[in-house]
Amino acid sequence: MTIRVVVVDDQPLVRAGLRMVLQATEDIEVVGEAADGAAALTVCELAAPDVVIMDVRMPVLDGIQATHILTSKPDGPKVLVITTFDVDEHVYGALRAGASGFLLKDAPEAQLLNAIRVVNDGASLFAASATRRIVEHFTTRPREASDLVSRAGLTHREVEVLTLLARGESNAEIGSHLFITEATVKTHVARIMGKLDARSRTHAVVMAYESALVTPGTRN
């Protein structure tokens, strides 16, 4: 199945470069592009993409606001943020707004293509990129972990899954750790996202850090 992609960046050369790479790939089709967040909303409404490659710093409407609007839609696309600087509060804002992950603009072509396929499948780039580092760098913890658990009504198993997800483990790794199938992990993740009203797996991870369910720097 072909992945429909919209490219959003205010630099024409960046858009052209991304389009050239993506159009040379059989399973990815560029169905639109935009130079700012406001135009992106219009393009996405018409083109109905699966994935949006989104710059964060743009005129008119920035990538954070555009991401929030797109991921708030029940049938909205997945958003993959591209940025020049990895440890950037604007990128963190986009992750909190529901982006599935981010890549640097100078990332290798193979990494870009893999990222598009990963987020299209409903996963996140949490373990495969610097997403964890940026979350840990900018996270504040205004609440206690128990607040998130009680407010969302998370079960003990769901807390275990979310904790491991926040530590960067894949579905397969979580399944191995908890002695459950990968399909069961996916079911738990879906329920967790629903209870947290999270727009993406990465958004759920951000919430886990901000509630102190996971402390920056912790490892398995």
Protein backbone atom coordinates (compact mmCIF):
# COMPACT_ATOMS: atom_id res chain seq x y z
CA MET A 1 0.00 0.00 0.00
CA THR A 2 1.31 3.44 -0.94
CA ILE A 3 1.94 5.93 1.89
CA ARG A 4 0.52 9.36 1.04
CA VAL A 5 2.80 12.17 2.25
CA VAL A 6 2.51 15.96 2.46
CA VAL A 7 5.73 17.96 2.82
CA VAL A 8 5.58 21.19 4.85
CA ASP A 9 8.57 23.55 5.02
CA ASP A 10 8.99 27.26 4.32
CA GLN A 11 12.22 26.68 2.36
CA PRO A 12 11.56 25.75 -1.30
CA LEU A 13 14.91 23.94 -1.62
CA VAL A 14 14.14 21.74 1.38
CA ARG A 15 10.74 20.84 -0.03
CA ALA A 16 12.25 20.10 -3.44
CA GLY A 17 14.94 17.89 -1.91
CA LEU A 18 12.45 15.92 0.14
CA ARG A 19 10.10 15.54 -2.81
CA MET A 20 12.93 14.23 -5.00
CA VAL A 21 13.89 11.59 -2.42
CA LEU A 22 10.33 10.49 -1.75
CA GLN A 23 9.23 10.34 -5.38
CA ALA A 24 12.01 7.85 -6.09
CA THR A 25 10.44 5.41 -3.61
CA GLU A 26 7.79 2.97 -4.79
CA ASP A 27 5.75 2.79 -1.59
CA ILE A 28 5.64 6.55 -0.88
CA GLU A 29 3.73 9.19 -2.85
CA VAL A 30 3.99 12.96 -2.34
CA VAL A 31 0.40 14.20 -2.58
CA GLY A 32 1.00 17.82 -1.63
CA GLU A 33 3.27 20.43 -0.11
CA ALA A 34 2.97 23.70 1.78
CA ALA A 35 5.17 26.59 2.89
CA ASP A 36 3.49 27.27 6.25
CA GLY A 37 1.22 25.66 8.78
CA ALA A 38 -1.96 27.38 7.63
CA ALA A 39 -1.45 26.24 4.04
CA ALA A 40 -0.63 22.76 5.35
CA LEU A 41 -4.07 22.48 6.96
CA THR A 42 -5.74 23.29 3.65
CA VAL A 43 -3.54 20.92 1.68
CA CYS A 44 -4.13 18.10 4.15
CA GLU A 45 -7.87 18.65 4.05
CA LEU A 46 -7.80 18.15 0.28
CA ALA A 47 -5.08 15.52 -0.06
CA ALA A 48 -5.87 13.34 2.99
CA PRO A 49 -2.25 12.24 3.60
CA ASP A 50 -1.18 9.39 5.84
CA VAL A 51 1.95 11.21 7.03
CA VAL A 52 2.93 14.88 7.17
CA ILE A 53 6.59 15.86 7.22
CA MET A 54 6.43 19.07 9.24
CA ASP A 55 8.95 21.85 9.85
CA VAL A 56 8.39 23.57 13.20
CA ARG A 57 9.54 27.14 12.53
CA MET A 58 7.38 28.67 9.81
CA PRO A 59 5.47 31.91 9.20
CA VAL A 60 1.69 32.43 9.45
CA LEU A 61 1.09 29.28 11.52
CA ASP A 62 4.02 27.36 12.98
CA GLY A 63 4.49 23.61 12.94
CA ILE A 64 3.50 23.18 16.60
CA GLN A 65 0.05 24.69 16.13
CA ALA A 66 -0.45 22.92 12.82
CA THR A 67 0.55 19.60 14.39
CA HIS A 68 -1.89 20.08 17.25
CA ILE A 69 -4.76 20.76 14.87
CA LEU A 70 -3.95 17.86 12.55
CA THR A 71 -3.44 15.27 15.28
CA SER A 72 -6.59 16.38 17.09
CA LYS A 73 -8.70 15.10 14.19
CA PRO A 74 -10.04 11.55 14.64
CA ASP A 75 -8.78 10.58 11.18
CA GLY A 76 -5.85 12.99 11.13
CA PRO A 77 -2.45 12.10 9.65
CA LYS A 78 0.66 11.10 11.57
CA VAL A 79 3.17 13.94 11.87
CA LEU A 80 6.92 13.56 11.52
CA VAL A 81 8.79 16.70 12.54
CA ILE A 82 11.99 17.73 10.77
CA THR A 83 14.35 20.23 12.36
CA THR A 84 17.80 21.77 12.10
CA PHE A 85 18.54 21.53 15.82
CA ASP A 86 17.70 18.40 17.80
CA VAL A 87 17.58 19.77 21.37
CA ASP A 88 15.04 22.46 20.62
CA GLU A 89 12.06 23.57 22.71
CA HIS A 90 10.05 24.02 19.51
CA VAL A 91 10.53 20.35 18.69
CA TYR A 92 9.50 19.43 22.22
CA GLY A 93 6.38 21.53 21.73
CA ALA A 94 5.58 19.61 18.56
CA LEU A 95 6.00 16.27 20.37
CA ARG A 96 3.63 17.49 23.09
CA ALA A 97 1.22 18.54 20.34
CA GLY A 98 1.06 14.98 19.03
CA ALA A 99 3.93 14.50 16.59
CA SER A 100 5.06 10.88 16.39
CA GLY A 101 8.75 11.78 16.40
CA PHE A 102 11.36 13.93 14.72
CA LEU A 103 14.39 13.81 12.46
CA LEU A 104 17.19 16.22 11.71
CA LYS A 105 17.03 17.74 8.24
CA ASP A 106 20.42 16.28 7.39
CA ALA A 107 19.37 12.73 8.31
CA PRO A 108 20.34 10.04 5.74
CA GLU A 109 17.73 9.22 3.10
CA ALA A 110 17.30 5.68 4.41
CA GLN A 111 16.55 7.01 7.91
CA LEU A 112 13.93 9.40 6.53
CA LEU A 113 12.19 6.69 4.55
CA ASN A 114 12.22 4.31 7.51
CA ALA A 115 10.82 7.04 9.76
CA ILE A 116 7.89 7.64 7.42
CA ARG A 117 7.08 3.93 7.35
CA VAL A 118 7.41 3.61 11.13
CA VAL A 119 5.03 6.46 11.98
CA ASN A 120 2.61 5.38 9.26
CA ASP A 121 2.36 2.01 11.00
CA GLY A 122 1.28 3.80 14.18
CA ALA A 123 4.58 3.47 16.00
CA SER A 124 6.86 6.27 17.19
CA LEU A 125 10.51 7.14 16.71
CA PHE A 126 11.05 7.32 20.44
CA ALA A 127 13.83 4.75 20.59
CA ALA A 128 15.20 5.22 17.09
CA SER A 129 15.97 8.94 17.31
CA ALA A 130 16.97 11.60 19.83
CA THR A 131 13.34 11.95 20.92
CA ARG A 132 14.02 10.53 24.38
CA ARG A 133 16.90 12.96 24.92
CA ILE A 134 14.82 16.00 24.02
CA VAL A 135 11.92 14.84 26.21
CA GLU A 136 14.28 14.40 29.16
CA HIS A 137 15.94 17.76 28.49
CA PHE A 138 12.78 19.85 28.51
CA THR A 139 10.44 17.87 30.76
CA THR A 140 9.12 19.45 33.92
CA ARG A 141 7.31 17.34 36.49
CA PRO A 142 4.49 19.37 38.06
CA ARG A 143 2.45 16.32 39.16
CA GLU A 144 3.01 13.04 40.92
CA ALA A 145 2.96 9.78 39.00
CA SER A 146 -0.06 8.62 40.99
CA ASP A 147 -2.04 11.57 39.66
CA LEU A 148 -1.70 10.41 36.08
CA VAL A 149 -2.50 6.81 36.98
CA SER A 150 -5.60 7.68 38.97
CA ARG A 151 -6.91 10.36 36.60
CA ALA A 152 -6.59 8.11 33.58
CA GLY A 153 -7.65 4.95 35.39
CA LEU A 154 -4.61 3.02 34.23
CA THR A 155 -4.34 -0.59 35.32
CA HIS A 156 -1.17 -2.02 36.83
CA ARG A 157 -0.33 -3.72 33.53
CA GLU A 158 -0.93 -0.50 31.59
CA VAL A 159 1.43 1.36 33.92
CA GLU A 160 4.07 -1.30 33.28
CA VAL A 161 3.63 -1.01 29.52
CA LEU A 162 3.69 2.81 29.55
CA THR A 163 6.81 2.84 31.74
CA LEU A 164 8.68 0.53 29.37
CA LEU A 165 7.43 2.48 26.37
CA ALA A 166 8.76 5.68 27.96
CA ARG A 167 12.14 4.01 28.47
CA GLY A 168 12.40 3.53 24.72
CA GLU A 169 11.42 -0.11 24.35
CA SER A 170 9.69 -1.39 21.21
CA ASN A 171 6.50 -3.46 21.28
CA ALA A 172 8.55 -6.61 20.86
CA GLU A 173 10.91 -5.66 23.70
CA ILE A 174 8.01 -4.80 25.99
CA GLY A 175 6.37 -8.13 25.19
CA SER A 176 9.57 -10.01 25.98
CA HIS A 177 10.04 -8.07 29.21
CA LEU A 178 6.48 -8.72 30.43
CA PHE A 179 6.11 -12.21 28.91
CA ILE A 180 3.16 -11.21 26.73
CA THR A 181 2.67 -11.22 22.96
CA GLU A 182 3.44 -8.23 20.76
CA ALA A 183 -0.24 -8.13 19.76
CA THR A 184 -1.19 -7.84 23.43
CA VAL A 185 1.29 -4.99 23.85
CA LYS A 186 -0.31 -3.16 20.92
CA THR A 187 -3.71 -3.59 22.55
CA HIS A 188 -2.42 -2.18 25.84
CA VAL A 189 -0.77 0.78 24.07
CA ALA A 190 -4.00 1.57 22.23
CA ARG A 191 -5.95 1.51 25.50
CA ILE A 192 -3.33 3.67 27.23
CA MET A 193 -3.49 6.27 24.47
CA GLY A 194 -7.27 6.29 24.67
CA LYS A 195 -7.31 6.75 28.45
CA LEU A 196 -4.67 9.50 28.30
CA ASP A 197 -6.27 11.12 25.25
CA ALA A 198 -2.80 11.00 23.72
CA ARG A 199 -2.45 11.96 20.06
CA SER A 200 0.50 9.64 19.48
CA ARG A 201 2.68 7.12 21.29
CA THR A 202 5.29 9.84 21.76
CA HIS A 203 2.66 12.15 23.26
CA ALA A 204 1.87 9.41 25.80
CA VAL A 205 5.58 9.15 26.59
CA VAL A 206 5.82 12.91 27.15
CA MET A 207 2.91 12.66 29.58
CA ALA A 208 4.64 9.82 31.42
CA TYR A 209 7.74 11.97 31.93
CA GLU A 210 5.80 15.10 32.87
CA SER A 211 3.86 13.18 35.52
CA ALA A 212 7.09 11.67 36.95
CA LEU A 213 5.91 8.15 36.11
CA VAL A 214 9.33 7.87 34.47
CA THR A 215 12.26 9.93 35.75
CA PRO A 216 14.75 11.40 33.24
CA GLY A 217 17.88 9.29 33.12
CA THR A 218 16.27 6.02 34.23
CA ARG A 219 17.09 2.83 32.37
CA ASN A 220 15.99 -0.79 32.55
